[in-house]
Amino acid sequence: MAQLVLWDIDHTLIDTRGVGRRLSAAAFEEVTGQAMRQQAKIDGITEAVIFRETAKLHGLTTDRADFERFAAALTAQHIRHAGELREQGHALPGAAAALDALAAAGLRQTVVTGNVRAVAEIKLNVFGLDTHIHWDGGAYGGDADLRPELVKLTLTRSSVAASETILIGDTPADVEGGLAIGVRVIAVATGCSSAEELRATGAHAVIPDLTDTEGLLKLVTGSNP
């Protein structure tokens, strides 16, 4: 039976509805001195990679120190605009109930996210979804470039085996990251990827959203017929 659930955040639990991109653009300009004319691919990608690849699109070469400054600026932007995030973004339907149900079932929950930790904490706190998250066991966008590395890191930090862990996410990168480490994956089609695309990546189960709390709990606990 599963002991640990790893949650992706954006488009799995919440939708910032464009606020996140605006705050990222403001932080990018603050750190690089250039307006962010375009942004690198973000779905399933860690913040460190997004920053580096976005900088390249603007003819810039960056290092770890630049990213650390960007992460600090991005955090400050989220703190400053938390009200805007709350007003314009939203928790996805069923997210709060899903977190509550898994906690009631005795499952530990943390996150595997491309967000840096401080931003991840702000995002879930803004929408009241942080109560059951064990932050120290998670892995974040400044910890590693690739999802498999993040998943592996959560297992180490949480002291839980891959066979006792389930990952819930909305992108092929989430699915592939979990499968690479031997973690069971439930994909939720609430992001840019369709259910068909998520099935094609090998997800163990694909659900349309998080609104069927009982069904999700059965998938996680393995009590489906």
C-alpha atoms as a PDB file:
ATOM      1  CA  MET A   1       0.000   0.000   0.000  1.00  0.00           C
ATOM      2  CA  ALA A   2       1.164   3.525  -0.738  1.00  0.00           C
ATOM      3  CA  GLN A   3       2.706   5.479   2.129  1.00  0.00           C
ATOM      4  CA  LEU A   4       3.637   8.680   0.299  1.00  0.00           C
ATOM      5  CA  VAL A   5       1.900  10.843  -2.318  1.00  0.00           C
ATOM      6  CA  LEU A   6       3.941  13.265  -4.406  1.00  0.00           C
ATOM      7  CA  TRP A   7       1.941  16.154  -5.833  1.00  0.00           C
ATOM      8  CA  ASP A   8       2.804  18.364  -8.758  1.00  0.00           C
ATOM      9  CA  ILE A   9       1.421  21.877  -8.161  1.00  0.00           C
ATOM     10  CA  ASP A  10       0.674  23.947 -11.269  1.00  0.00           C
ATOM     11  CA  HIS A  11      -2.311  22.672 -13.271  1.00  0.00           C
ATOM     12  CA  THR A  12      -2.578  19.697 -10.917  1.00  0.00           C
ATOM     13  CA  LEU A  13      -3.655  21.447  -7.715  1.00  0.00           C
ATOM     14  CA  ILE A  14      -3.883  25.090  -8.820  1.00  0.00           C
ATOM     15  CA  ASP A  15      -4.114  27.392 -11.828  1.00  0.00           C
ATOM     16  CA  THR A  16      -2.549  30.868 -11.563  1.00  0.00           C
ATOM     17  CA  ARG A  17      -4.351  31.962 -14.744  1.00  0.00           C
ATOM     18  CA  GLY A  18      -1.416  33.918 -16.093  1.00  0.00           C
ATOM     19  CA  VAL A  19      -0.357  35.602 -12.856  1.00  0.00           C
ATOM     20  CA  GLY A  20       2.621  33.289 -12.478  1.00  0.00           C
ATOM     21  CA  ARG A  21       3.977  34.218 -15.888  1.00  0.00           C
ATOM     22  CA  ARG A  22       3.643  37.923 -15.176  1.00  0.00           C
ATOM     23  CA  LEU A  23       5.514  37.580 -11.903  1.00  0.00           C
ATOM     24  CA  SER A  24       8.211  35.516 -13.614  1.00  0.00           C
ATOM     25  CA  ALA A  25       8.587  38.210 -16.267  1.00  0.00           C
ATOM     26  CA  ALA A  26       8.960  40.899 -13.603  1.00  0.00           C
ATOM     27  CA  ALA A  27      11.628  38.873 -11.773  1.00  0.00           C
ATOM     28  CA  PHE A  28      13.445  38.139 -15.035  1.00  0.00           C
ATOM     29  CA  GLU A  29      13.643  41.823 -15.923  1.00  0.00           C
ATOM     30  CA  GLU A  30      14.770  42.728 -12.411  1.00  0.00           C
ATOM     31  CA  VAL A  31      17.668  40.250 -12.544  1.00  0.00           C
ATOM     32  CA  THR A  32      18.765  40.521 -16.181  1.00  0.00           C
ATOM     33  CA  GLY A  33      17.827  44.105 -17.008  1.00  0.00           C
ATOM     34  CA  GLN A  34      15.919  42.887 -20.063  1.00  0.00           C
ATOM     35  CA  ALA A  35      12.182  42.638 -20.565  1.00  0.00           C
ATOM     36  CA  MET A  36      11.065  39.025 -21.008  1.00  0.00           C
ATOM     37  CA  ARG A  37       9.942  39.033 -24.645  1.00  0.00           C
ATOM     38  CA  GLN A  38       9.380  35.280 -24.705  1.00  0.00           C
ATOM     39  CA  GLN A  39       9.610  32.397 -22.280  1.00  0.00           C
ATOM     40  CA  ALA A  40      11.029  28.918 -22.719  1.00  0.00           C
ATOM     41  CA  LYS A  41       8.768  25.887 -22.425  1.00  0.00           C
ATOM     42  CA  ILE A  42       7.413  25.602 -18.899  1.00  0.00           C
ATOM     43  CA  ASP A  43       5.167  22.516 -18.722  1.00  0.00           C
ATOM     44  CA  GLY A  44       6.880  19.946 -16.529  1.00  0.00           C
ATOM     45  CA  ILE A  45      10.134  21.921 -16.532  1.00  0.00           C
ATOM     46  CA  THR A  46      12.002  23.106 -13.430  1.00  0.00           C
ATOM     47  CA  GLU A  47      12.398  26.791 -12.653  1.00  0.00           C
ATOM     48  CA  ALA A  48      16.188  26.628 -12.994  1.00  0.00           C
ATOM     49  CA  VAL A  49      15.922  25.267 -16.543  1.00  0.00           C
ATOM     50  CA  ILE A  50      13.161  27.706 -17.504  1.00  0.00           C
ATOM     51  CA  PHE A  51      15.283  30.635 -16.349  1.00  0.00           C
ATOM     52  CA  ARG A  52      18.415  29.401 -18.127  1.00  0.00           C
ATOM     53  CA  GLU A  53      16.631  28.622 -21.394  1.00  0.00           C
ATOM     54  CA  THR A  54      14.620  31.847 -21.323  1.00  0.00           C
ATOM     55  CA  ALA A  55      17.847  33.789 -20.816  1.00  0.00           C
ATOM     56  CA  LYS A  56      19.310  32.043 -23.877  1.00  0.00           C
ATOM     57  CA  LEU A  57      16.336  33.198 -25.942  1.00  0.00           C
ATOM     58  CA  HIS A  58      17.415  36.741 -25.030  1.00  0.00           C
ATOM     59  CA  GLY A  59      21.065  36.155 -25.918  1.00  0.00           C
ATOM     60  CA  LEU A  60      22.150  35.837 -22.283  1.00  0.00           C
ATOM     61  CA  THR A  61      24.371  33.294 -20.563  1.00  0.00           C
ATOM     62  CA  THR A  62      23.577  32.737 -16.896  1.00  0.00           C
ATOM     63  CA  ASP A  63      25.103  30.850 -13.984  1.00  0.00           C
ATOM     64  CA  ARG A  64      23.885  29.488 -10.656  1.00  0.00           C
ATOM     65  CA  ALA A  65      24.327  32.835  -8.927  1.00  0.00           C
ATOM     66  CA  ASP A  66      22.053  34.466 -11.529  1.00  0.00           C
ATOM     67  CA  PHE A  67      19.431  31.811 -10.901  1.00  0.00           C
ATOM     68  CA  GLU A  68      19.639  32.306  -7.144  1.00  0.00           C
ATOM     69  CA  ARG A  69      19.016  36.023  -7.652  1.00  0.00           C
ATOM     70  CA  PHE A  70      16.105  35.215  -9.935  1.00  0.00           C
ATOM     71  CA  ALA A  71      14.646  32.776  -7.390  1.00  0.00           C
ATOM     72  CA  ALA A  72      14.838  35.449  -4.686  1.00  0.00           C
ATOM     73  CA  ALA A  73      13.247  38.047  -6.963  1.00  0.00           C
ATOM     74  CA  LEU A  74      10.511  35.596  -7.979  1.00  0.00           C
ATOM     75  CA  THR A  75       9.752  34.836  -4.346  1.00  0.00           C
ATOM     76  CA  ALA A  76       9.537  38.549  -3.550  1.00  0.00           C
ATOM     77  CA  GLN A  77       7.146  39.044  -6.463  1.00  0.00           C
ATOM     78  CA  HIS A  78       4.870  36.282  -5.171  1.00  0.00           C
ATOM     79  CA  ILE A  79       4.883  37.734  -1.669  1.00  0.00           C
ATOM     80  CA  ARG A  80       4.105  41.200  -3.023  1.00  0.00           C
ATOM     81  CA  HIS A  81       1.331  39.994  -5.323  1.00  0.00           C
ATOM     82  CA  ALA A  82      -0.196  37.213  -3.213  1.00  0.00           C
ATOM     83  CA  GLY A  83      -3.518  39.068  -3.222  1.00  0.00           C
ATOM     84  CA  GLU A  84      -3.549  39.216  -7.003  1.00  0.00           C
ATOM     85  CA  LEU A  85      -2.710  35.530  -7.179  1.00  0.00           C
ATOM     86  CA  ARG A  86      -5.603  34.744  -4.841  1.00  0.00           C
ATOM     87  CA  GLU A  87      -8.066  36.909  -6.765  1.00  0.00           C
ATOM     88  CA  GLN A  88      -7.162  35.808 -10.288  1.00  0.00           C
ATOM     89  CA  GLY A  89      -5.992  32.243  -9.769  1.00  0.00           C
ATOM     90  CA  HIS A  90      -7.816  29.367  -8.133  1.00  0.00           C
ATOM     91  CA  ALA A  91      -7.462  25.938  -6.605  1.00  0.00           C
ATOM     92  CA  LEU A  92      -8.583  23.331  -9.095  1.00  0.00           C
ATOM     93  CA  PRO A  93     -11.911  21.614  -8.404  1.00  0.00           C
ATOM     94  CA  GLY A  94     -11.544  18.779  -5.926  1.00  0.00           C
ATOM     95  CA  ALA A  95      -7.986  19.659  -4.880  1.00  0.00           C
ATOM     96  CA  ALA A  96      -8.761  20.527  -1.259  1.00  0.00           C
ATOM     97  CA  ALA A  97     -11.021  17.516  -0.792  1.00  0.00           C
ATOM     98  CA  ALA A  98      -8.393  15.218  -2.318  1.00  0.00           C
ATOM     99  CA  LEU A  99      -5.680  16.474   0.034  1.00  0.00           C
ATOM    100  CA  ASP A 100      -8.003  16.105   3.024  1.00  0.00           C
ATOM    101  CA  ALA A 101      -9.085  12.588   2.058  1.00  0.00           C
ATOM    102  CA  LEU A 102      -5.536  11.328   1.566  1.00  0.00           C
ATOM    103  CA  ALA A 103      -4.492  12.821   4.896  1.00  0.00           C
ATOM    104  CA  ALA A 104      -7.485  11.190   6.623  1.00  0.00           C
ATOM    105  CA  ALA A 105      -6.381   7.866   5.130  1.00  0.00           C
ATOM    106  CA  GLY A 106      -3.011   8.256   6.845  1.00  0.00           C
ATOM    107  CA  LEU A 107      -0.983   9.017   3.738  1.00  0.00           C
ATOM    108  CA  ARG A 108       1.947  11.400   3.927  1.00  0.00           C
ATOM    109  CA  GLN A 109       1.888  14.079   1.214  1.00  0.00           C
ATOM    110  CA  THR A 110       4.593  16.272  -0.244  1.00  0.00           C
ATOM    111  CA  VAL A 111       5.373  17.939  -3.572  1.00  0.00           C
ATOM    112  CA  VAL A 112       7.596  17.338  -6.582  1.00  0.00           C
ATOM    113  CA  THR A 113       7.493  20.642  -8.412  1.00  0.00           C
ATOM    114  CA  GLY A 114       9.385  22.832 -10.816  1.00  0.00           C
ATOM    115  CA  ASN A 115       8.715  25.768  -8.502  1.00  0.00           C
ATOM    116  CA  VAL A 116      11.374  26.913  -6.071  1.00  0.00           C
ATOM    117  CA  ARG A 117      10.353  25.968  -2.541  1.00  0.00           C
ATOM    118  CA  ALA A 118       9.390  29.433  -1.290  1.00  0.00           C
ATOM    119  CA  VAL A 119       7.121  30.010  -4.291  1.00  0.00           C
ATOM    120  CA  ALA A 120       5.583  26.542  -3.923  1.00  0.00           C
ATOM    121  CA  GLU A 121       4.767  27.315  -0.301  1.00  0.00           C
ATOM    122  CA  ILE A 122       3.216  30.674  -1.196  1.00  0.00           C
ATOM    123  CA  LYS A 123       1.097  29.218  -4.000  1.00  0.00           C
ATOM    124  CA  LEU A 124      -0.449  26.479  -1.893  1.00  0.00           C
ATOM    125  CA  ASN A 125      -0.858  28.723   1.135  1.00  0.00           C
ATOM    126  CA  VAL A 126      -2.712  31.349  -0.906  1.00  0.00           C
ATOM    127  CA  PHE A 127      -5.322  28.767  -1.881  1.00  0.00           C
ATOM    128  CA  GLY A 128      -5.456  26.999   1.490  1.00  0.00           C
ATOM    129  CA  LEU A 129      -3.892  23.798   0.185  1.00  0.00           C
ATOM    130  CA  ASP A 130      -0.766  23.664   2.332  1.00  0.00           C
ATOM    131  CA  THR A 131      -2.132  22.098   5.536  1.00  0.00           C
ATOM    132  CA  HIS A 132      -1.183  18.495   4.767  1.00  0.00           C
ATOM    133  CA  ILE A 133       2.068  19.081   2.856  1.00  0.00           C
ATOM    134  CA  HIS A 134       5.335  17.873   4.427  1.00  0.00           C
ATOM    135  CA  TRP A 135       7.576  20.491   2.844  1.00  0.00           C
ATOM    136  CA  ASP A 136      10.927  19.114   4.014  1.00  0.00           C
ATOM    137  CA  GLY A 137      10.263  15.865   2.178  1.00  0.00           C
ATOM    138  CA  GLY A 138       9.617  17.538  -1.163  1.00  0.00           C
ATOM    139  CA  ALA A 139      11.833  18.426  -4.109  1.00  0.00           C
ATOM    140  CA  TYR A 140      11.852  21.761  -5.878  1.00  0.00           C
ATOM    141  CA  GLY A 141      12.877  23.608  -9.007  1.00  0.00           C
ATOM    142  CA  GLY A 142      16.221  24.681  -7.595  1.00  0.00           C
ATOM    143  CA  ASP A 143      17.225  21.173  -6.485  1.00  0.00           C
ATOM    144  CA  ALA A 144      17.800  19.518  -9.868  1.00  0.00           C
ATOM    145  CA  ASP A 145      17.144  20.074 -13.561  1.00  0.00           C
ATOM    146  CA  LEU A 146      15.170  16.923 -14.375  1.00  0.00           C
ATOM    147  CA  ARG A 147      12.053  15.336 -12.910  1.00  0.00           C
ATOM    148  CA  PRO A 148      13.543  11.878 -12.260  1.00  0.00           C
ATOM    149  CA  GLU A 149      16.210  13.512 -10.101  1.00  0.00           C
ATOM    150  CA  LEU A 150      13.531  15.374  -8.164  1.00  0.00           C
ATOM    151  CA  VAL A 151      11.472  12.227  -7.624  1.00  0.00           C
ATOM    152  CA  LYS A 152      14.521  10.329  -6.418  1.00  0.00           C
ATOM    153  CA  LEU A 153      15.347  13.179  -4.060  1.00  0.00           C
ATOM    154  CA  THR A 154      11.877  13.116  -2.477  1.00  0.00           C
ATOM    155  CA  LEU A 155      12.220   9.409  -1.744  1.00  0.00           C
ATOM    156  CA  THR A 156      15.533  10.035  -0.029  1.00  0.00           C
ATOM    157  CA  ARG A 157      14.223  12.999   1.942  1.00  0.00           C
ATOM    158  CA  SER A 158      11.045  11.163   2.931  1.00  0.00           C
ATOM    159  CA  SER A 159      12.764   7.800   3.592  1.00  0.00           C
ATOM    160  CA  VAL A 160      10.115   5.978   1.579  1.00  0.00           C
ATOM    161  CA  ALA A 161      10.640   3.332  -1.110  1.00  0.00           C
ATOM    162  CA  ALA A 162       9.536   3.898  -4.706  1.00  0.00           C
ATOM    163  CA  SER A 163       7.157   0.932  -4.396  1.00  0.00           C
ATOM    164  CA  GLU A 164       5.338   2.731  -1.558  1.00  0.00           C
ATOM    165  CA  THR A 165       5.000   6.020  -3.433  1.00  0.00           C
ATOM    166  CA  ILE A 166       2.486   7.491  -5.880  1.00  0.00           C
ATOM    167  CA  LEU A 167       2.997  10.628  -7.958  1.00  0.00           C
ATOM    168  CA  ILE A 168       0.076  12.738  -9.166  1.00  0.00           C
ATOM    169  CA  GLY A 169       0.765  15.210 -11.972  1.00  0.00           C
ATOM    170  CA  ASP A 170      -0.582  16.678 -15.195  1.00  0.00           C
ATOM    171  CA  THR A 171       2.314  16.535 -17.681  1.00  0.00           C
ATOM    172  CA  PRO A 172       4.178  13.815 -19.579  1.00  0.00           C
ATOM    173  CA  ALA A 173       7.298  14.988 -17.705  1.00  0.00           C
ATOM    174  CA  ASP A 174       5.578  14.175 -14.402  1.00  0.00           C
ATOM    175  CA  VAL A 175       4.680  10.713 -15.669  1.00  0.00           C
ATOM    176  CA  GLU A 176       8.117  10.019 -17.101  1.00  0.00           C
ATOM    177  CA  GLY A 177       9.810  11.302 -13.953  1.00  0.00           C
ATOM    178  CA  GLY A 178       7.857   8.922 -11.772  1.00  0.00           C
ATOM    179  CA  LEU A 179       8.216   5.922 -14.057  1.00  0.00           C
ATOM    180  CA  ALA A 180      11.989   6.399 -14.328  1.00  0.00           C
ATOM    181  CA  ILE A 181      12.318   5.877 -10.584  1.00  0.00           C
ATOM    182  CA  GLY A 182       9.733   3.096 -10.300  1.00  0.00           C
ATOM    183  CA  VAL A 183       6.984   5.221  -8.770  1.00  0.00           C
ATOM    184  CA  ARG A 184       3.346   4.558  -9.621  1.00  0.00           C
ATOM    185  CA  VAL A 185       1.824   7.541 -11.459  1.00  0.00           C
ATOM    186  CA  ILE A 186      -1.712   8.891 -11.600  1.00  0.00           C
ATOM    187  CA  ALA A 187      -2.010  11.511 -14.332  1.00  0.00           C
ATOM    188  CA  VAL A 188      -4.695  14.160 -14.183  1.00  0.00           C
ATOM    189  CA  ALA A 189      -5.791  15.801 -17.447  1.00  0.00           C
ATOM    190  CA  THR A 190      -6.220  19.308 -16.042  1.00  0.00           C
ATOM    191  CA  GLY A 191      -3.235  20.862 -17.810  1.00  0.00           C
ATOM    192  CA  CYS A 192      -2.208  21.218 -21.433  1.00  0.00           C
ATOM    193  CA  SER A 193      -1.899  17.469 -22.058  1.00  0.00           C
ATOM    194  CA  SER A 194      -4.909  15.398 -23.024  1.00  0.00           C
ATOM    195  CA  ALA A 195      -5.872  12.143 -21.364  1.00  0.00           C
ATOM    196  CA  GLU A 196      -4.738  10.315 -24.497  1.00  0.00           C
ATOM    197  CA  GLU A 197      -1.304  11.952 -24.391  1.00  0.00           C
ATOM    198  CA  LEU A 198      -0.912  11.085 -20.723  1.00  0.00           C
ATOM    199  CA  ARG A 199      -1.907   7.461 -21.323  1.00  0.00           C
ATOM    200  CA  ALA A 200       0.629   7.262 -24.136  1.00  0.00           C
ATOM    201  CA  THR A 201       3.426   8.182 -21.728  1.00  0.00           C
ATOM    202  CA  GLY A 202       2.629   5.121 -19.619  1.00  0.00           C
ATOM    203  CA  ALA A 203       0.731   6.546 -16.644  1.00  0.00           C
ATOM    204  CA  HIS A 204      -0.750   3.785 -14.508  1.00  0.00           C
ATOM    205  CA  ALA A 205      -4.050   5.652 -14.348  1.00  0.00           C
ATOM    206  CA  VAL A 206      -5.454   8.787 -15.983  1.00  0.00           C
ATOM    207  CA  ILE A 207      -8.309  10.805 -14.500  1.00  0.00           C
ATOM    208  CA  PRO A 208     -10.050  13.889 -15.932  1.00  0.00           C
ATOM    209  CA  ASP A 209      -9.738  15.962 -12.738  1.00  0.00           C
ATOM    210  CA  LEU A 210      -9.704  15.658  -8.946  1.00  0.00           C
ATOM    211  CA  THR A 211     -13.441  15.911  -8.348  1.00  0.00           C
ATOM    212  CA  ASP A 212     -14.010  12.177  -7.734  1.00  0.00           C
ATOM    213  CA  THR A 213     -12.463  12.071  -4.281  1.00  0.00           C
ATOM    214  CA  GLU A 214     -13.543   8.503  -3.538  1.00  0.00           C
ATOM    215  CA  GLY A 215     -12.262   7.278  -6.901  1.00  0.00           C
ATOM    216  CA  LEU A 216      -8.896   8.957  -6.387  1.00  0.00           C
ATOM    217  CA  LEU A 217      -8.577   7.495  -2.899  1.00  0.00           C
ATOM    218  CA  LYS A 218      -9.242   4.021  -4.292  1.00  0.00           C
ATOM    219  CA  LEU A 219      -6.585   4.497  -6.957  1.00  0.00           C
ATOM    220  CA  VAL A 220      -4.038   5.651  -4.425  1.00  0.00           C
ATOM    221  CA  THR A 221      -4.748   2.946  -1.844  1.00  0.00           C
ATOM    222  CA  GLY A 222      -5.058   0.201  -4.451  1.00  0.00           C
ATOM    223  CA  SER A 223      -8.557  -0.719  -3.353  1.00  0.00           C
ATOM    224  CA  ASN A 224     -10.076  -0.531  -6.839  1.00  0.00           C
ATOM    225  CA  PRO A 225     -11.767  -3.768  -7.955  1.00  0.00           C
END
